[in-house]
Protein backbone atom coordinates (compact mmCIF):
# COMPACT_ATOMS: atom_id res chain seq x y z
CA MET A 1 11.60 -17.13 50.59
CA SER A 2 10.70 -14.71 47.47
CA PHE A 3 12.29 -15.65 44.22
CA ARG A 4 14.55 -12.52 44.23
CA LYS A 5 15.96 -13.70 47.62
CA LEU A 6 16.25 -17.23 46.35
CA VAL A 7 18.15 -16.20 43.39
CA LEU A 8 20.49 -14.05 45.44
CA ALA A 9 21.15 -16.65 48.07
CA LEU A 10 21.79 -19.35 45.42
CA THR A 11 24.33 -16.85 43.64
CA VAL A 12 25.98 -16.05 47.11
CA VAL A 13 26.59 -19.84 47.75
CA ALA A 14 28.03 -20.62 44.14
CA LEU A 15 30.33 -17.82 44.33
CA ALA A 16 31.35 -18.70 47.76
CA VAL A 17 32.21 -22.07 46.64
CA SER A 18 34.08 -20.91 43.54
CA ALA A 19 35.50 -18.07 45.39
CA GLY A 20 36.98 -20.22 48.09
CA PHE A 21 38.49 -17.76 50.47
CA ALA A 22 36.57 -14.54 49.16
CA ARG A 23 34.67 -14.22 52.56
CA ASN A 24 37.69 -13.50 54.34
CA ILE A 25 39.22 -11.21 51.79
CA LEU A 26 39.33 -7.14 52.45
CA GLU A 27 40.37 -4.37 50.40
CA LYS A 28 44.08 -3.70 50.42
CA LYS A 29 45.68 -1.90 47.27
CA ALA A 30 48.85 -4.14 46.38
CA PHE A 31 51.10 -3.69 43.56
CA TYR A 32 52.64 -6.71 41.84
CA ILE A 33 55.21 -7.89 39.39
CA ASN A 34 54.13 -10.48 36.84
CA ASN A 35 56.67 -13.33 35.53
CA VAL A 36 57.50 -10.92 32.54
CA ASN A 37 58.46 -8.00 34.77
CA LYS A 38 55.32 -6.37 34.27
CA THR A 39 53.59 -4.27 37.04
CA GLY A 40 50.13 -4.40 37.98
CA GLN A 41 47.72 -3.46 40.96
CA ALA A 42 44.89 -5.18 42.72
CA LYS A 43 42.55 -4.34 45.61
CA PHE A 44 41.13 -7.49 46.62
CA TRP A 45 43.70 -10.44 46.19
CA VAL A 46 44.86 -13.76 47.60
CA VAL A 47 48.33 -15.21 47.00
CA TYR A 48 48.77 -18.99 46.53
CA LEU A 49 52.16 -20.06 48.44
CA GLY A 50 51.79 -23.93 48.14
CA GLY A 51 51.06 -27.08 49.67
CA PHE A 52 52.89 -28.34 52.37
CA ASP A 53 53.21 -31.69 54.44
CA VAL A 54 53.39 -30.97 58.08
CA LYS A 55 52.94 -32.29 61.73
CA LEU A 56 50.34 -30.31 63.68
CA THR A 57 48.86 -31.15 67.06
CA ARG A 58 44.93 -30.99 67.35
CA ASN A 59 42.66 -31.90 70.27
CA ILE A 60 40.54 -34.70 69.26
CA PRO A 61 37.43 -35.76 71.31
CA GLY A 62 38.40 -38.61 73.47
CA GLU A 63 41.59 -38.55 72.71
CA GLY A 64 43.00 -35.21 73.80
CA ASP A 65 46.13 -33.47 72.13
CA VAL A 66 47.61 -35.61 69.54
CA PRO A 67 50.09 -35.33 66.63
CA VAL A 68 48.41 -35.20 63.08
CA GLN A 69 49.87 -35.57 59.84
CA ALA A 70 48.44 -33.16 57.40
CA THR A 71 48.80 -31.37 53.86
CA VAL A 72 47.77 -27.87 54.00
CA ASN A 73 47.52 -25.03 51.28
CA LEU A 74 48.61 -21.57 52.36
CA GLN A 75 47.42 -18.15 50.96
CA LEU A 76 48.72 -14.98 51.68
CA ILE A 77 45.30 -12.65 51.88
CA SER A 78 44.98 -9.14 51.56
CA SER A 79 43.13 -9.06 54.75
CA GLY A 80 46.88 -9.33 56.22
CA TYR A 81 47.32 -12.90 57.15
CA VAL A 82 48.00 -16.42 55.99
CA GLU A 83 45.51 -18.91 55.95
CA GLY A 84 46.16 -22.63 55.80
CA ASN A 85 43.50 -25.25 54.84
CA GLY A 86 43.88 -28.85 54.08
CA TYR A 87 43.56 -32.68 55.55
CA GLY A 88 45.21 -34.70 57.69
CA THR A 89 44.84 -38.22 59.47
CA LYS A 90 42.06 -36.83 61.67
CA GLY A 91 40.35 -35.04 58.89
CA LYS A 92 40.23 -31.75 57.86
CA VAL A 93 42.60 -29.18 59.53
CA ASP A 94 42.84 -25.27 59.36
CA CYS A 95 45.57 -22.92 60.68
CA LEU A 96 46.76 -19.58 60.82
CA PRO A 97 50.48 -19.61 60.07
CA THR A 98 53.01 -16.61 60.85
CA LEU A 99 55.43 -14.87 58.60
CA LEU A 100 58.97 -14.66 59.72
CA LEU A 101 61.98 -12.46 58.99
CA VAL A 102 65.00 -14.52 58.96
CA ASN A 103 68.41 -13.01 58.64
CA GLY A 104 71.43 -14.90 59.84
CA GLN A 105 70.59 -16.01 63.49
CA ASP A 106 68.05 -13.22 63.96
CA GLU A 107 64.43 -14.51 63.18
CA ARG A 108 61.33 -12.92 64.45
CA ARG A 109 57.78 -12.57 63.62
CA ILE A 110 56.58 -9.59 61.31
CA VAL A 111 53.06 -8.68 59.76
CA LEU A 112 52.22 -7.48 56.27
CA ASP A 113 51.85 -3.94 57.06
CA SER A 114 55.78 -3.88 58.29
CA ILE A 115 56.94 -5.06 54.74
CA ASP A 116 58.39 -2.88 51.92
CA TYR A 117 58.21 -5.58 49.42
CA ILE A 118 58.61 -9.18 48.91
CA TYR A 119 60.51 -10.82 46.13
CA ASP A 120 62.19 -13.54 44.54
CA PHE A 121 58.80 -15.41 44.21
CA GLY A 122 58.03 -14.99 47.97
CA ARG A 123 61.20 -16.03 49.29
CA LYS A 124 62.99 -12.82 50.18
CA VAL A 125 61.48 -9.88 51.97
CA ARG A 126 62.62 -6.29 52.74
CA LEU A 127 60.69 -4.16 55.82
CA GLN A 128 59.85 -0.69 56.00
CA THR A 129 62.84 -0.24 58.30
CA GLY A 130 65.26 -1.28 55.38
CA GLU A 131 65.95 -4.74 57.18
CA THR A 132 65.92 -7.57 54.36
CA GLY A 133 66.41 -11.46 54.98
CA ASP A 134 64.44 -14.58 53.96
CA LEU A 135 60.60 -14.94 54.33
CA ILE A 136 59.58 -17.80 56.33
CA LEU A 137 56.37 -19.20 57.02
CA ASP A 138 55.84 -20.45 60.48
CA ILE A 139 53.09 -23.21 60.40
CA GLU A 140 52.76 -24.07 64.02
CA GLY A 141 56.30 -24.71 64.20
CA ASN A 142 56.94 -26.08 60.76
CA LYS A 143 59.05 -23.61 59.02
CA VAL A 144 58.99 -23.57 55.38
CA THR A 145 59.62 -21.39 52.13
CA ALA A 146 56.80 -20.42 49.66
CA LYS A 147 56.69 -22.89 46.68
CA LYS A 148 54.53 -21.04 44.88
CA PHE A 149 53.68 -17.19 44.46
CA LEU A 150 50.52 -16.98 42.36
CA MET A 151 48.04 -14.15 42.78
CA ARG A 152 44.44 -14.31 42.00
CA GLU A 153 42.44 -10.88 41.97
CA TYR A 154 38.94 -10.54 43.03
CA LYS A 155 36.07 -8.12 42.00
CA LEU A 156 33.78 -6.15 43.97
CA THR A 157 30.51 -7.09 42.15
CA THR A 158 26.59 -6.00 42.61
CA TYR A 159 24.39 -8.76 42.85
CA TYR A 160 20.67 -7.53 43.29
CA GLY A 161 21.54 -4.60 45.26
CA GLU A 162 24.14 -6.82 47.21
CA GLU A 163 27.97 -6.29 46.85
CA ILE A 164 29.93 -9.40 46.92
CA LEU A 165 33.58 -10.68 45.82
CA LYS A 166 33.96 -12.65 42.52
CA GLU A 167 37.09 -14.29 41.18
CA GLY A 168 38.54 -11.68 38.51
CA SER A 169 41.50 -13.13 37.14
CA GLN A 170 43.40 -16.39 36.76
CA GLU A 171 46.15 -17.19 39.09
CA ILE A 172 49.17 -15.52 37.35
CA PRO A 173 52.76 -16.19 38.67
CA ILE A 174 54.43 -13.03 40.25
CA LEU A 175 57.95 -12.40 41.17
CA GLY A 176 57.24 -9.44 43.81
CA LEU A 177 54.39 -7.94 45.85
CA ALA A 178 54.42 -4.50 47.45
CA LEU A 179 52.09 -2.37 49.32
CA THR A 180 53.04 0.86 47.59
CA GLN A 181 54.07 2.14 44.04
CA GLU A 182 57.48 3.12 45.47
CA GLY A 183 57.95 -0.34 46.93
CA ILE A 184 57.05 -2.26 43.90
CA THR A 185 59.85 -0.25 42.35
CA ARG A 186 62.24 -1.07 44.73
CA ALA A 187 61.21 -4.66 44.38
CA GLN A 188 61.89 -4.62 40.56
CA LYS A 189 65.42 -3.43 41.43
CA ALA A 190 65.98 -6.24 44.00
CA GLN A 191 64.87 -8.62 41.66
CA GLY A 192 66.97 -7.51 38.86
CA ALA A 193 69.68 -8.03 41.22
CA VAL A 194 68.53 -11.73 42.04
CA ASP A 195 68.06 -12.34 38.37
CA ALA A 196 71.66 -10.87 37.42
CA ALA A 197 73.49 -13.13 40.11
CA ALA A 198 71.58 -16.29 38.89
CA ASP A 199 72.51 -15.47 35.26
CA ALA A 200 76.34 -15.00 36.51
CA GLY A 201 76.43 -18.32 38.50
CA GLN A 202 75.21 -19.81 35.28
CA LYS A 203 78.28 -18.94 33.12
């Protein structure tokens, strides 16, 4: 292997370790509201949703399907899905949780592209149809609400003629997320209503 190829390979390995999920990130422009109510945008991004203790069923060689207690960290990725990774009583576990809209008795699966905006630190959602409700994460039957809503942006960088993704920012707390400029404007208004109601409740 030439020196150039060796350096490139080592660089890719190092960045893959530091970037974590960068290999799964695709370009998807998103707009967000940070914790001081300022808006920004990112093209390649991951939103950390928190760590959760769950019970999963896994096929273990020699044991068949068995219940596994695990702790998984969830990330909403610009590629359009939620990814979960962690460790349980049988070692490393991976999962692909789904997004649910819950409104009263109505509960159904939704996808990222159907969302107008997410707000209230990842706990509330409005669809492009105008429907609103709670945003629930379904981890193979374990239904939870986001504990965190932290965005990390990635930058497309050229190394020795190859384009790779590299962490471009620190994790920042965000209040809301949308896929359009119009959506994030609506998210700001919805967040303002949530904050006003919270303030009124404290008086």
